[in-house]
Amino acid sequence: MSVQTGPGRGPNRPPLDVAARAAAQAALAGEVPQRDRLIEYLHRLQDAHGALFADHLAALAEAMKLARAEVYEVATFYHHFDVVAEGDSAPAALTVRVCDSLTCAMHGGEELAAALEGRVGAGVRIQRVPCVGRCDCAPVAVVGQNPVHQAAVEKVMVAVDADDRVEPAPDIIDFDAYRAAGGYHLYETMRSGEHDVEEILGVLDTAILRGLGGAGFPAARKWRTVMAQPAPRNMA
């Protein structure tokens, strides 16, 4: 029995080819491999090759001096990654992910996924996925990396037909423009003493603002409790 030693290797596994190692090195982009950057390297591999192929994952494990199982368990944990086993075909060129979590399901997510399966061609895959973090916009479909809010079949198909795979960048302003338009004005008046502490806490009392940690304590009561403690006061 032949045995290869070293990270990412095991008994009877053939050596990695040059192309796989080159793909892994391209994902590292000249960086010294860092364990906490693994997800970023996986994203780079998938963006470059359309999926995460077994030999690429093995080569990345070797380059990072990790066990293949460690890389594989991270890659398979997130639905954003498409892991292709040895001998399997790559997924369709475009994936439309339809959220099937509770909120989206209540807003017709399953019906949306089923209807899309009957509309798209062979080059598009419909995939049901867990929560995509946009529950306020349910149901949500993600065309490539482009989320479609309050998704309906025709709305999703417009993005599919136009090959709109990337979310448009939002209109933003820089910090100086925000300050010039009045940003942090209230904060500055508080710091200057224009509003005293009890006035601010009184507003919080009136607003009945509560924490969301489970107990639902009024925010003003918590702040008063902290203020009553001797200095130094630390917040974590």
C-alpha atoms as a PDB file:
ATOM      1  CA  MET A   1       0.000   0.000   0.000  1.00  0.00           C
ATOM      2  CA  SER A   2       1.318   3.417  -0.915  1.00  0.00           C
ATOM      3  CA  VAL A   3       0.964   6.125   1.691  1.00  0.00           C
ATOM      4  CA  GLN A   4       1.485   9.843   1.128  1.00  0.00           C
ATOM      5  CA  THR A   5       2.245  11.880   4.198  1.00  0.00           C
ATOM      6  CA  GLY A   6       1.591  15.529   4.915  1.00  0.00           C
ATOM      7  CA  PRO A   7      -1.457  17.765   5.268  1.00  0.00           C
ATOM      8  CA  GLY A   8      -4.380  17.006   3.003  1.00  0.00           C
ATOM      9  CA  ARG A   9      -3.067  13.570   2.028  1.00  0.00           C
ATOM     10  CA  GLY A  10      -4.014  10.064   2.942  1.00  0.00           C
ATOM     11  CA  PRO A  11      -3.527   6.431   1.935  1.00  0.00           C
ATOM     12  CA  ASN A  12      -3.848   5.638  -1.788  1.00  0.00           C
ATOM     13  CA  ARG A  13      -4.645   9.178  -2.824  1.00  0.00           C
ATOM     14  CA  PRO A  14      -3.083  10.175  -6.138  1.00  0.00           C
ATOM     15  CA  PRO A  15      -0.822  13.202  -6.128  1.00  0.00           C
ATOM     16  CA  LEU A  16      -2.436  16.509  -6.974  1.00  0.00           C
ATOM     17  CA  ASP A  17      -1.897  17.762 -10.488  1.00  0.00           C
ATOM     18  CA  VAL A  18      -0.248  21.021 -11.454  1.00  0.00           C
ATOM     19  CA  ALA A  19      -3.529  22.674 -12.467  1.00  0.00           C
ATOM     20  CA  ALA A  20      -5.142  22.041  -9.072  1.00  0.00           C
ATOM     21  CA  ARG A  21      -2.157  23.452  -7.230  1.00  0.00           C
ATOM     22  CA  ALA A  22      -2.142  26.471  -9.542  1.00  0.00           C
ATOM     23  CA  ALA A  23      -5.833  27.085  -8.808  1.00  0.00           C
ATOM     24  CA  ALA A  24      -5.158  26.990  -5.070  1.00  0.00           C
ATOM     25  CA  GLN A  25      -2.223  29.377  -5.377  1.00  0.00           C
ATOM     26  CA  ALA A  26      -4.351  31.764  -7.445  1.00  0.00           C
ATOM     27  CA  ALA A  27      -6.971  31.725  -4.674  1.00  0.00           C
ATOM     28  CA  LEU A  28      -4.304  32.604  -2.122  1.00  0.00           C
ATOM     29  CA  ALA A  29      -3.268  35.525  -4.365  1.00  0.00           C
ATOM     30  CA  GLY A  30       0.250  35.635  -2.989  1.00  0.00           C
ATOM     31  CA  GLU A  31      -0.867  35.781   0.648  1.00  0.00           C
ATOM     32  CA  VAL A  32       0.698  33.781   3.418  1.00  0.00           C
ATOM     33  CA  PRO A  33      -2.162  31.311   4.085  1.00  0.00           C
ATOM     34  CA  GLN A  34      -4.206  32.127   7.182  1.00  0.00           C
ATOM     35  CA  ARG A  35      -6.820  29.822   8.671  1.00  0.00           C
ATOM     36  CA  ASP A  36      -9.232  32.674   9.352  1.00  0.00           C
ATOM     37  CA  ARG A  37      -9.150  33.576   5.648  1.00  0.00           C
ATOM     38  CA  LEU A  38     -10.340  30.154   4.482  1.00  0.00           C
ATOM     39  CA  ILE A  39     -13.827  31.336   3.526  1.00  0.00           C
ATOM     40  CA  GLU A  40     -12.346  34.132   1.417  1.00  0.00           C
ATOM     41  CA  TYR A  41     -10.093  31.637  -0.403  1.00  0.00           C
ATOM     42  CA  LEU A  42     -13.103  29.409  -1.059  1.00  0.00           C
ATOM     43  CA  HIS A  43     -15.016  32.348  -2.512  1.00  0.00           C
ATOM     44  CA  ARG A  44     -12.103  33.109  -4.820  1.00  0.00           C
ATOM     45  CA  LEU A  45     -11.967  29.511  -6.014  1.00  0.00           C
ATOM     46  CA  GLN A  46     -15.687  29.399  -6.726  1.00  0.00           C
ATOM     47  CA  ASP A  47     -15.677  32.786  -8.467  1.00  0.00           C
ATOM     48  CA  ALA A  48     -12.821  31.662 -10.705  1.00  0.00           C
ATOM     49  CA  HIS A  49     -14.098  28.171 -11.553  1.00  0.00           C
ATOM     50  CA  GLY A  50     -17.870  28.306 -11.035  1.00  0.00           C
ATOM     51  CA  ALA A  51     -17.810  25.696  -8.268  1.00  0.00           C
ATOM     52  CA  LEU A  52     -15.527  24.080  -5.696  1.00  0.00           C
ATOM     53  CA  PHE A  53     -14.005  20.973  -7.241  1.00  0.00           C
ATOM     54  CA  ALA A  54     -12.592  18.172  -5.119  1.00  0.00           C
ATOM     55  CA  ASP A  55      -9.037  18.497  -6.426  1.00  0.00           C
ATOM     56  CA  HIS A  56      -9.072  22.263  -5.859  1.00  0.00           C
ATOM     57  CA  LEU A  57     -10.195  21.769  -2.255  1.00  0.00           C
ATOM     58  CA  ALA A  58      -7.479  19.187  -1.730  1.00  0.00           C
ATOM     59  CA  ALA A  59      -4.863  21.520  -3.186  1.00  0.00           C
ATOM     60  CA  LEU A  60      -6.057  24.369  -0.983  1.00  0.00           C
ATOM     61  CA  ALA A  61      -5.852  22.108   2.073  1.00  0.00           C
ATOM     62  CA  GLU A  62      -2.299  21.202   1.115  1.00  0.00           C
ATOM     63  CA  ALA A  63      -1.304  24.839   0.592  1.00  0.00           C
ATOM     64  CA  MET A  64      -2.808  25.845   3.947  1.00  0.00           C
ATOM     65  CA  LYS A  65      -1.399  22.806   5.768  1.00  0.00           C
ATOM     66  CA  LEU A  66      -4.894  21.732   6.798  1.00  0.00           C
ATOM     67  CA  ALA A  67      -6.612  18.368   6.676  1.00  0.00           C
ATOM     68  CA  ARG A  68      -8.876  17.960   3.668  1.00  0.00           C
ATOM     69  CA  ALA A  69     -11.761  17.279   6.046  1.00  0.00           C
ATOM     70  CA  GLU A  70     -11.340  20.705   7.659  1.00  0.00           C
ATOM     71  CA  VAL A  71     -11.596  22.496   4.323  1.00  0.00           C
ATOM     72  CA  TYR A  72     -14.449  20.265   3.169  1.00  0.00           C
ATOM     73  CA  GLU A  73     -16.565  20.820   6.289  1.00  0.00           C
ATOM     74  CA  VAL A  74     -16.314  24.599   5.891  1.00  0.00           C
ATOM     75  CA  ALA A  75     -17.078  24.449   2.162  1.00  0.00           C
ATOM     76  CA  THR A  76     -20.163  22.279   2.689  1.00  0.00           C
ATOM     77  CA  PHE A  77     -21.505  24.286   5.633  1.00  0.00           C
ATOM     78  CA  TYR A  78     -22.462  27.347   3.560  1.00  0.00           C
ATOM     79  CA  HIS A  79     -25.063  27.087   0.814  1.00  0.00           C
ATOM     80  CA  HIS A  80     -23.235  29.783  -1.162  1.00  0.00           C
ATOM     81  CA  PHE A  81     -20.604  27.200  -2.103  1.00  0.00           C
ATOM     82  CA  ASP A  82     -21.165  24.484  -4.715  1.00  0.00           C
ATOM     83  CA  VAL A  83     -18.967  21.507  -3.883  1.00  0.00           C
ATOM     84  CA  VAL A  84     -18.453  19.091  -6.786  1.00  0.00           C
ATOM     85  CA  ALA A  85     -17.301  15.582  -5.859  1.00  0.00           C
ATOM     86  CA  GLU A  86     -14.805  13.659  -7.969  1.00  0.00           C
ATOM     87  CA  GLY A  87     -16.479  12.427 -11.142  1.00  0.00           C
ATOM     88  CA  ASP A  88     -19.529  14.673 -10.792  1.00  0.00           C
ATOM     89  CA  SER A  89     -20.484  17.354 -13.290  1.00  0.00           C
ATOM     90  CA  ALA A  90     -20.287  21.040 -12.526  1.00  0.00           C
ATOM     91  CA  PRO A  91     -23.574  22.788 -11.671  1.00  0.00           C
ATOM     92  CA  ALA A  92     -25.451  24.904 -14.185  1.00  0.00           C
ATOM     93  CA  ALA A  93     -23.812  28.137 -15.246  1.00  0.00           C
ATOM     94  CA  LEU A  94     -26.319  30.179 -13.227  1.00  0.00           C
ATOM     95  CA  THR A  95     -27.869  29.339  -9.866  1.00  0.00           C
ATOM     96  CA  VAL A  96     -31.012  30.999  -8.558  1.00  0.00           C
ATOM     97  CA  ARG A  97     -31.267  30.470  -4.815  1.00  0.00           C
ATOM     98  CA  VAL A  98     -34.768  30.670  -3.384  1.00  0.00           C
ATOM     99  CA  CYS A  99     -35.010  31.138   0.367  1.00  0.00           C
ATOM    100  CA  ASP A 100     -37.141  28.468   2.034  1.00  0.00           C
ATOM    101  CA  SER A 101     -36.905  29.712   5.622  1.00  0.00           C
ATOM    102  CA  LEU A 102     -40.062  30.327   7.647  1.00  0.00           C
ATOM    103  CA  THR A 103     -40.669  33.953   6.648  1.00  0.00           C
ATOM    104  CA  CYS A 104     -40.139  33.369   2.941  1.00  0.00           C
ATOM    105  CA  ALA A 105     -42.199  30.174   3.088  1.00  0.00           C
ATOM    106  CA  MET A 106     -45.086  32.147   4.601  1.00  0.00           C
ATOM    107  CA  HIS A 107     -44.819  34.561   1.668  1.00  0.00           C
ATOM    108  CA  GLY A 108     -44.921  31.895  -1.029  1.00  0.00           C
ATOM    109  CA  GLY A 109     -41.269  30.879  -1.299  1.00  0.00           C
ATOM    110  CA  GLU A 110     -41.998  27.244  -2.161  1.00  0.00           C
ATOM    111  CA  GLU A 111     -44.544  28.195  -4.794  1.00  0.00           C
ATOM    112  CA  LEU A 112     -41.997  30.614  -6.258  1.00  0.00           C
ATOM    113  CA  ALA A 113     -39.294  27.922  -6.430  1.00  0.00           C
ATOM    114  CA  ALA A 114     -41.644  25.424  -8.058  1.00  0.00           C
ATOM    115  CA  ALA A 115     -42.838  27.956 -10.628  1.00  0.00           C
ATOM    116  CA  LEU A 116     -39.279  28.975 -11.491  1.00  0.00           C
ATOM    117  CA  GLU A 117     -38.307  25.331 -12.030  1.00  0.00           C
ATOM    118  CA  GLY A 118     -40.912  25.227 -14.765  1.00  0.00           C
ATOM    119  CA  ARG A 119     -39.652  28.405 -16.425  1.00  0.00           C
ATOM    120  CA  VAL A 120     -35.865  28.323 -16.524  1.00  0.00           C
ATOM    121  CA  GLY A 121     -33.778  26.554 -19.131  1.00  0.00           C
ATOM    122  CA  ALA A 122     -31.102  23.900 -18.773  1.00  0.00           C
ATOM    123  CA  GLY A 123     -28.413  26.483 -18.033  1.00  0.00           C
ATOM    124  CA  VAL A 124     -30.118  27.655 -14.848  1.00  0.00           C
ATOM    125  CA  ARG A 125     -30.440  25.778 -11.570  1.00  0.00           C
ATOM    126  CA  ILE A 126     -33.096  26.530  -8.959  1.00  0.00           C
ATOM    127  CA  GLN A 127     -31.840  25.791  -5.461  1.00  0.00           C
ATOM    128  CA  ARG A 128     -33.792  26.000  -2.219  1.00  0.00           C
ATOM    129  CA  VAL A 129     -31.590  27.447   0.518  1.00  0.00           C
ATOM    130  CA  PRO A 130     -31.830  28.447   4.193  1.00  0.00           C
ATOM    131  CA  CYS A 131     -32.353  32.028   5.325  1.00  0.00           C
ATOM    132  CA  VAL A 132     -30.515  34.642   3.254  1.00  0.00           C
ATOM    133  CA  GLY A 133     -30.927  37.316   5.919  1.00  0.00           C
ATOM    134  CA  ARG A 134     -33.496  39.490   4.145  1.00  0.00           C
ATOM    135  CA  CYS A 135     -36.669  38.482   5.965  1.00  0.00           C
ATOM    136  CA  ASP A 136     -38.114  41.992   5.656  1.00  0.00           C
ATOM    137  CA  CYS A 137     -38.136  41.542   1.864  1.00  0.00           C
ATOM    138  CA  ALA A 138     -39.728  38.079   1.663  1.00  0.00           C
ATOM    139  CA  PRO A 139     -39.894  36.122  -0.474  1.00  0.00           C
ATOM    140  CA  VAL A 140     -36.323  36.454  -1.674  1.00  0.00           C
ATOM    141  CA  ALA A 141     -34.543  34.854  -4.617  1.00  0.00           C
ATOM    142  CA  VAL A 142     -30.852  35.407  -5.324  1.00  0.00           C
ATOM    143  CA  VAL A 143     -29.843  35.358  -8.986  1.00  0.00           C
ATOM    144  CA  GLY A 144     -26.143  34.575  -8.853  1.00  0.00           C
ATOM    145  CA  GLN A 145     -25.212  37.158  -6.213  1.00  0.00           C
ATOM    146  CA  ASN A 146     -28.061  39.545  -6.975  1.00  0.00           C
ATOM    147  CA  PRO A 147     -30.927  39.423  -4.442  1.00  0.00           C
ATOM    148  CA  VAL A 148     -34.435  39.979  -5.771  1.00  0.00           C
ATOM    149  CA  HIS A 149     -36.738  41.317  -3.057  1.00  0.00           C
ATOM    150  CA  GLN A 150     -40.467  40.591  -2.902  1.00  0.00           C
ATOM    151  CA  ALA A 151     -39.639  38.110  -5.621  1.00  0.00           C
ATOM    152  CA  ALA A 152     -42.224  37.026  -8.160  1.00  0.00           C
ATOM    153  CA  VAL A 153     -41.625  34.733 -11.113  1.00  0.00           C
ATOM    154  CA  GLU A 154     -41.549  37.479 -13.739  1.00  0.00           C
ATOM    155  CA  LYS A 155     -39.370  39.700 -11.564  1.00  0.00           C
ATOM    156  CA  VAL A 156     -36.810  36.924 -11.136  1.00  0.00           C
ATOM    157  CA  MET A 157     -36.931  35.997 -14.820  1.00  0.00           C
ATOM    158  CA  VAL A 158     -36.107  39.582 -15.809  1.00  0.00           C
ATOM    159  CA  ALA A 159     -32.850  39.265 -13.847  1.00  0.00           C
ATOM    160  CA  VAL A 160     -32.182  35.779 -15.243  1.00  0.00           C
ATOM    161  CA  ASP A 161     -32.783  36.805 -18.854  1.00  0.00           C
ATOM    162  CA  ALA A 162     -30.612  39.910 -18.451  1.00  0.00           C
ATOM    163  CA  ASP A 163     -27.906  37.860 -16.685  1.00  0.00           C
ATOM    164  CA  ASP A 164     -27.969  40.337 -13.791  1.00  0.00           C
ATOM    165  CA  ARG A 165     -25.850  38.344 -11.345  1.00  0.00           C
ATOM    166  CA  VAL A 166     -24.364  41.122  -9.221  1.00  0.00           C
ATOM    167  CA  GLU A 167     -26.245  43.360  -6.810  1.00  0.00           C
ATOM    168  CA  PRO A 168     -26.040  47.015  -7.875  1.00  0.00           C
ATOM    169  CA  ALA A 169     -23.991  49.146  -5.505  1.00  0.00           C
ATOM    170  CA  PRO A 170     -26.171  51.425  -3.351  1.00  0.00           C
ATOM    171  CA  ASP A 171     -25.908  55.184  -3.499  1.00  0.00           C
ATOM    172  CA  ILE A 172     -23.707  56.231  -0.590  1.00  0.00           C
ATOM    173  CA  ILE A 173     -22.157  59.374   0.836  1.00  0.00           C
ATOM    174  CA  ASP A 174     -18.823  59.708   2.584  1.00  0.00           C
ATOM    175  CA  PHE A 175     -18.332  60.586   6.238  1.00  0.00           C
ATOM    176  CA  ASP A 176     -17.650  64.284   5.639  1.00  0.00           C
ATOM    177  CA  ALA A 177     -20.813  64.665   3.568  1.00  0.00           C
ATOM    178  CA  TYR A 178     -22.810  62.909   6.290  1.00  0.00           C
ATOM    179  CA  ARG A 179     -21.468  65.287   8.945  1.00  0.00           C
ATOM    180  CA  ALA A 180     -22.129  68.309   6.736  1.00  0.00           C
ATOM    181  CA  ALA A 181     -25.761  67.217   6.348  1.00  0.00           C
ATOM    182  CA  GLY A 182     -26.277  67.104  10.120  1.00  0.00           C
ATOM    183  CA  GLY A 183     -24.947  63.661  10.936  1.00  0.00           C
ATOM    184  CA  TYR A 184     -24.028  63.182  14.634  1.00  0.00           C
ATOM    185  CA  HIS A 185     -25.507  66.586  15.503  1.00  0.00           C
ATOM    186  CA  LEU A 186     -27.620  65.175  18.331  1.00  0.00           C
ATOM    187  CA  TYR A 187     -24.621  63.245  19.642  1.00  0.00           C
ATOM    188  CA  GLU A 188     -22.537  66.422  19.701  1.00  0.00           C
ATOM    189  CA  THR A 189     -25.240  68.321  21.609  1.00  0.00           C
ATOM    190  CA  MET A 190     -25.240  65.568  24.205  1.00  0.00           C
ATOM    191  CA  ARG A 191     -21.485  65.699  24.568  1.00  0.00           C
ATOM    192  CA  SER A 192     -21.525  69.471  24.925  1.00  0.00           C
ATOM    193  CA  GLY A 193     -24.039  69.305  27.769  1.00  0.00           C
ATOM    194  CA  GLU A 194     -26.879  70.950  25.885  1.00  0.00           C
ATOM    195  CA  HIS A 195     -28.991  67.966  26.951  1.00  0.00           C
ATOM    196  CA  ASP A 196     -28.356  66.552  30.409  1.00  0.00           C
ATOM    197  CA  VAL A 197     -28.243  62.856  31.143  1.00  0.00           C
ATOM    198  CA  GLU A 198     -31.583  62.636  32.933  1.00  0.00           C
ATOM    199  CA  GLU A 199     -33.322  64.372  30.031  1.00  0.00           C
ATOM    200  CA  ILE A 200     -31.988  61.725  27.656  1.00  0.00           C
ATOM    201  CA  LEU A 201     -32.981  58.902  29.991  1.00  0.00           C
ATOM    202  CA  GLY A 202     -36.431  60.438  30.307  1.00  0.00           C
ATOM    203  CA  VAL A 203     -36.865  60.269  26.530  1.00  0.00           C
ATOM    204  CA  LEU A 204     -35.884  56.593  26.639  1.00  0.00           C
ATOM    205  CA  ASP A 205     -38.423  56.009  29.416  1.00  0.00           C
ATOM    206  CA  THR A 206     -41.162  57.613  27.338  1.00  0.00           C
ATOM    207  CA  ALA A 207     -40.180  55.584  24.272  1.00  0.00           C
ATOM    208  CA  ILE A 208     -40.402  52.344  26.293  1.00  0.00           C
ATOM    209  CA  LEU A 209     -37.264  51.170  24.499  1.00  0.00           C
ATOM    210  CA  ARG A 210     -36.367  47.675  25.679  1.00  0.00           C
ATOM    211  CA  GLY A 211     -33.476  45.303  25.169  1.00  0.00           C
ATOM    212  CA  LEU A 212     -33.938  42.239  22.988  1.00  0.00           C
ATOM    213  CA  GLY A 213     -31.774  39.854  24.986  1.00  0.00           C
ATOM    214  CA  GLY A 214     -34.720  37.916  26.388  1.00  0.00           C
ATOM    215  CA  ALA A 215     -35.608  39.697  29.636  1.00  0.00           C
ATOM    216  CA  GLY A 216     -36.816  42.830  27.862  1.00  0.00           C
ATOM    217  CA  PHE A 217     -35.432  45.244  30.446  1.00  0.00           C
ATOM    218  CA  PRO A 218     -36.134  48.923  29.726  1.00  0.00           C
ATOM    219  CA  ALA A 219     -33.011  50.508  28.248  1.00  0.00           C
ATOM    220  CA  ALA A 220     -33.199  53.558  30.526  1.00  0.00           C
ATOM    221  CA  ARG A 221     -33.230  51.350  33.629  1.00  0.00           C
ATOM    222  CA  LYS A 222     -30.167  49.464  32.424  1.00  0.00           C
ATOM    223  CA  TRP A 223     -28.315  52.683  31.684  1.00  0.00           C
ATOM    224  CA  ARG A 224     -29.175  54.106  35.120  1.00  0.00           C
ATOM    225  CA  THR A 225     -27.935  50.904  36.747  1.00  0.00           C
ATOM    226  CA  VAL A 226     -24.607  51.215  34.950  1.00  0.00           C
ATOM    227  CA  MET A 227     -24.295  54.906  35.839  1.00  0.00           C
ATOM    228  CA  ALA A 228     -24.866  54.098  39.509  1.00  0.00           C
ATOM    229  CA  GLN A 229     -21.802  51.868  39.598  1.00  0.00           C
ATOM    230  CA  PRO A 230     -18.427  53.282  40.662  1.00  0.00           C
ATOM    231  CA  ALA A 231     -15.922  54.047  37.927  1.00  0.00           C
ATOM    232  CA  PRO A 232     -14.285  52.710  35.891  1.00  0.00           C
ATOM    233  CA  ARG A 233     -17.258  51.437  33.881  1.00  0.00           C
ATOM    234  CA  ASN A 234     -16.475  49.087  31.018  1.00  0.00           C
ATOM    235  CA  MET A 235     -18.758  47.886  28.265  1.00  0.00           C
ATOM    236  CA  ALA A 236     -18.165  44.643  26.347  1.00  0.00           C
END
